[in-house]
Amino acid sequence: MNTVNKELSIPNPALIGQKTWREERTTNINDAIKALVVAINAKRDKQNNGIQASVNKTYTYYIQQLNKLIIENKALQNENEALKAEYAKVKQHISQLDEIAVRRVTAQKDVVIERLNTQLVLKTRTLQNSRLITILYRRNTKSWFFIGTT
């Protein structure tokens, strides 16, 4: 910019050489602007390269983090599948235990029913024997009563 100001500060010749003066000034100013454009472009490219490097680092970092998460996710999925299989085994085992418990309780119930049936049969026999004895006693008593009265 200083070059442009310097060129613009050169005095304008009175009559002769104005065209040459104008062409020199225009050429010098254009060269200075081109130099500025090249410098600006160089700075821009340097900044873009820095930004691109930063983007690449950030991209690489997040891709690495994503890969770690993918690996962790696969491990968790495998662990989940293993836990599901273990859960199915435990559930089956509980079901088997329930079946065993039902069989055990059924067997205990059958024993109690058998014992009660046996007691019922014994009580029924005792009751029948008692009735039979009562009937026989009554018969014997009546016949003795009749035997003695005749």
Protein backbone atom coordinates (compact mmCIF):
# COMPACT_ATOMS: atom_id res chain seq x y z
CA MET A 1 0.00 0.00 0.00
CA ASN A 2 2.93 2.27 0.69
CA THR A 3 4.11 1.68 -2.86
CA VAL A 4 0.76 2.80 -4.26
CA ASN A 5 0.78 5.94 -2.08
CA LYS A 6 4.38 6.65 -3.14
CA GLU A 7 3.45 6.35 -6.81
CA LEU A 8 0.43 8.56 -6.37
CA SER A 9 2.53 11.22 -4.60
CA ILE A 10 4.89 11.66 -7.59
CA PRO A 11 3.96 14.99 -9.20
CA ASN A 12 2.24 15.09 -12.54
CA PRO A 13 4.42 16.61 -15.34
CA ALA A 14 3.01 19.77 -16.88
CA LEU A 15 2.58 18.91 -20.57
CA ILE A 16 5.28 16.74 -21.93
CA GLY A 17 5.57 13.15 -20.70
CA GLN A 18 2.13 12.88 -19.15
CA LYS A 19 1.32 9.72 -21.10
CA THR A 20 4.59 8.07 -20.08
CA TRP A 21 4.15 9.24 -16.52
CA ARG A 22 0.59 7.81 -16.44
CA GLU A 23 1.73 4.46 -17.93
CA GLU A 24 4.60 4.20 -15.44
CA ARG A 25 2.34 5.03 -12.53
CA THR A 26 -0.34 2.53 -13.75
CA THR A 27 2.26 -0.18 -14.30
CA ASN A 28 3.89 0.44 -10.91
CA ILE A 29 0.51 0.56 -9.13
CA ASN A 30 -0.65 -2.59 -10.93
CA ASP A 31 2.60 -4.33 -10.00
CA ALA A 32 2.16 -3.24 -6.39
CA ILE A 33 -1.47 -4.47 -6.38
CA LYS A 34 -0.37 -7.76 -7.94
CA ALA A 35 2.31 -8.09 -5.28
CA LEU A 36 -0.34 -7.42 -2.62
CA VAL A 37 -2.66 -9.99 -4.21
CA VAL A 38 0.18 -12.55 -4.27
CA ALA A 39 1.01 -11.78 -0.63
CA ILE A 40 -2.67 -11.99 0.36
CA ASN A 41 -3.07 -15.24 -1.55
CA ALA A 42 0.05 -16.64 0.12
CA LYS A 43 -1.28 -15.69 3.55
CA ARG A 44 -4.70 -17.13 2.66
CA ASP A 45 -3.10 -20.36 1.44
CA LYS A 46 -1.03 -20.56 4.61
CA GLN A 47 -4.16 -20.04 6.73
CA ASN A 48 -6.08 -22.56 4.62
CA ASN A 49 -3.27 -25.06 5.06
CA GLY A 50 -3.36 -24.47 8.80
CA ILE A 51 -7.14 -24.83 8.82
CA GLN A 52 -6.89 -27.95 6.65
CA ALA A 53 -4.29 -29.42 8.99
CA SER A 54 -6.52 -28.63 11.95
CA VAL A 55 -9.52 -30.15 10.17
CA ASN A 56 -7.47 -33.24 9.33
CA LYS A 57 -6.34 -33.60 12.94
CA THR A 58 -9.89 -33.12 14.19
CA TYR A 59 -11.23 -35.56 11.59
CA THR A 60 -8.57 -38.12 12.50
CA TYR A 61 -9.30 -37.68 16.21
CA TYR A 62 -13.05 -38.15 15.78
CA ILE A 63 -12.60 -41.10 13.43
CA GLN A 64 -10.35 -42.73 16.05
CA GLN A 65 -12.96 -42.03 18.72
CA LEU A 66 -15.67 -43.43 16.45
CA ASN A 67 -13.61 -46.57 15.84
CA LYS A 68 -13.14 -46.98 19.59
CA LEU A 69 -16.90 -46.61 20.09
CA ILE A 70 -17.58 -49.14 17.33
CA ILE A 71 -15.22 -51.63 18.96
CA GLU A 72 -16.77 -50.96 22.38
CA ASN A 73 -20.24 -51.35 20.88
CA LYS A 74 -19.29 -54.71 19.36
CA ALA A 75 -17.87 -55.84 22.69
CA LEU A 76 -21.06 -54.76 24.45
CA GLN A 77 -23.17 -56.56 21.85
CA ASN A 78 -21.13 -59.74 22.38
CA GLU A 79 -21.47 -59.37 26.14
CA ASN A 80 -25.20 -58.79 25.71
CA GLU A 81 -25.52 -61.97 23.64
CA ALA A 82 -23.58 -63.92 26.27
CA LEU A 83 -25.82 -62.54 29.02
CA LYS A 84 -28.92 -63.44 27.00
CA ALA A 85 -27.65 -67.01 26.62
CA GLU A 86 -26.85 -67.19 30.33
CA TYR A 87 -30.29 -65.76 31.14
CA ALA A 88 -31.93 -68.45 29.00
CA LYS A 89 -29.96 -71.15 30.85
CA VAL A 90 -30.91 -69.69 34.24
CA LYS A 91 -34.53 -69.43 33.17
CA GLN A 92 -34.50 -73.06 32.04
CA HIS A 93 -32.84 -74.10 35.30
CA ILE A 94 -35.50 -72.22 37.30
CA SER A 95 -38.17 -73.91 35.22
CA GLN A 96 -36.61 -77.29 35.97
CA LEU A 97 -36.44 -76.41 39.66
CA ASP A 98 -40.10 -75.45 39.53
CA GLU A 99 -40.93 -78.79 37.93
CA ILE A 100 -38.91 -80.63 40.59
CA ALA A 101 -40.65 -78.64 43.33
CA VAL A 102 -44.05 -79.45 41.84
CA ARG A 103 -43.13 -83.15 41.69
CA ARG A 104 -41.91 -83.05 45.30
CA VAL A 105 -45.04 -81.30 46.55
CA THR A 106 -47.20 -83.68 44.51
CA ALA A 107 -45.38 -86.66 46.04
CA GLN A 108 -45.85 -85.21 49.54
CA LYS A 109 -49.53 -84.61 48.80
CA ASP A 110 -49.89 -88.20 47.54
CA VAL A 111 -48.27 -89.52 50.74
CA VAL A 112 -50.63 -87.45 52.89
CA ILE A 113 -53.65 -88.57 50.86
CA GLU A 114 -52.55 -92.21 51.11
CA ARG A 115 -52.09 -91.88 54.86
CA LEU A 116 -55.49 -90.24 55.22
CA ASN A 117 -57.08 -92.93 53.05
CA THR A 118 -55.47 -95.59 55.24
CA GLN A 119 -56.76 -93.89 58.36
CA LEU A 120 -60.18 -93.60 56.74
CA VAL A 121 -60.20 -97.30 55.92
CA LEU A 122 -59.13 -98.16 59.47
CA LYS A 123 -61.75 -95.87 60.98
CA THR A 124 -64.36 -97.24 58.62
CA ARG A 125 -63.45 -100.81 59.60
CA THR A 126 -63.46 -99.86 63.26
CA LEU A 127 -66.86 -98.25 62.83
CA GLN A 128 -68.16 -101.24 60.94
CA ASN A 129 -66.78 -103.61 63.59
CA SER A 130 -68.32 -101.46 66.27
CA ARG A 131 -71.69 -101.58 64.53
CA LEU A 132 -71.35 -105.31 64.00
CA ILE A 133 -70.51 -105.78 67.66
CA THR A 134 -73.48 -103.62 68.60
CA ILE A 135 -75.75 -105.59 66.30
CA LEU A 136 -74.43 -108.92 67.58
CA TYR A 137 -74.72 -107.74 71.16
CA ARG A 138 -78.27 -106.69 70.61
CA ARG A 139 -79.07 -110.02 69.00
CA ASN A 140 -77.38 -111.91 71.76
CA THR A 141 -79.03 -109.85 74.39
CA LYS A 142 -82.43 -110.25 72.83
CA SER A 143 -82.00 -113.98 72.42
CA TRP A 144 -80.77 -114.32 76.00
CA PHE A 145 -83.65 -112.21 77.06
CA PHE A 146 -86.02 -114.44 75.15
CA ILE A 147 -84.30 -117.60 76.30
CA GLY A 148 -84.61 -116.68 79.87
CA THR A 149 -88.24 -115.68 79.68
CA THR A 150 -89.68 -118.81 78.19
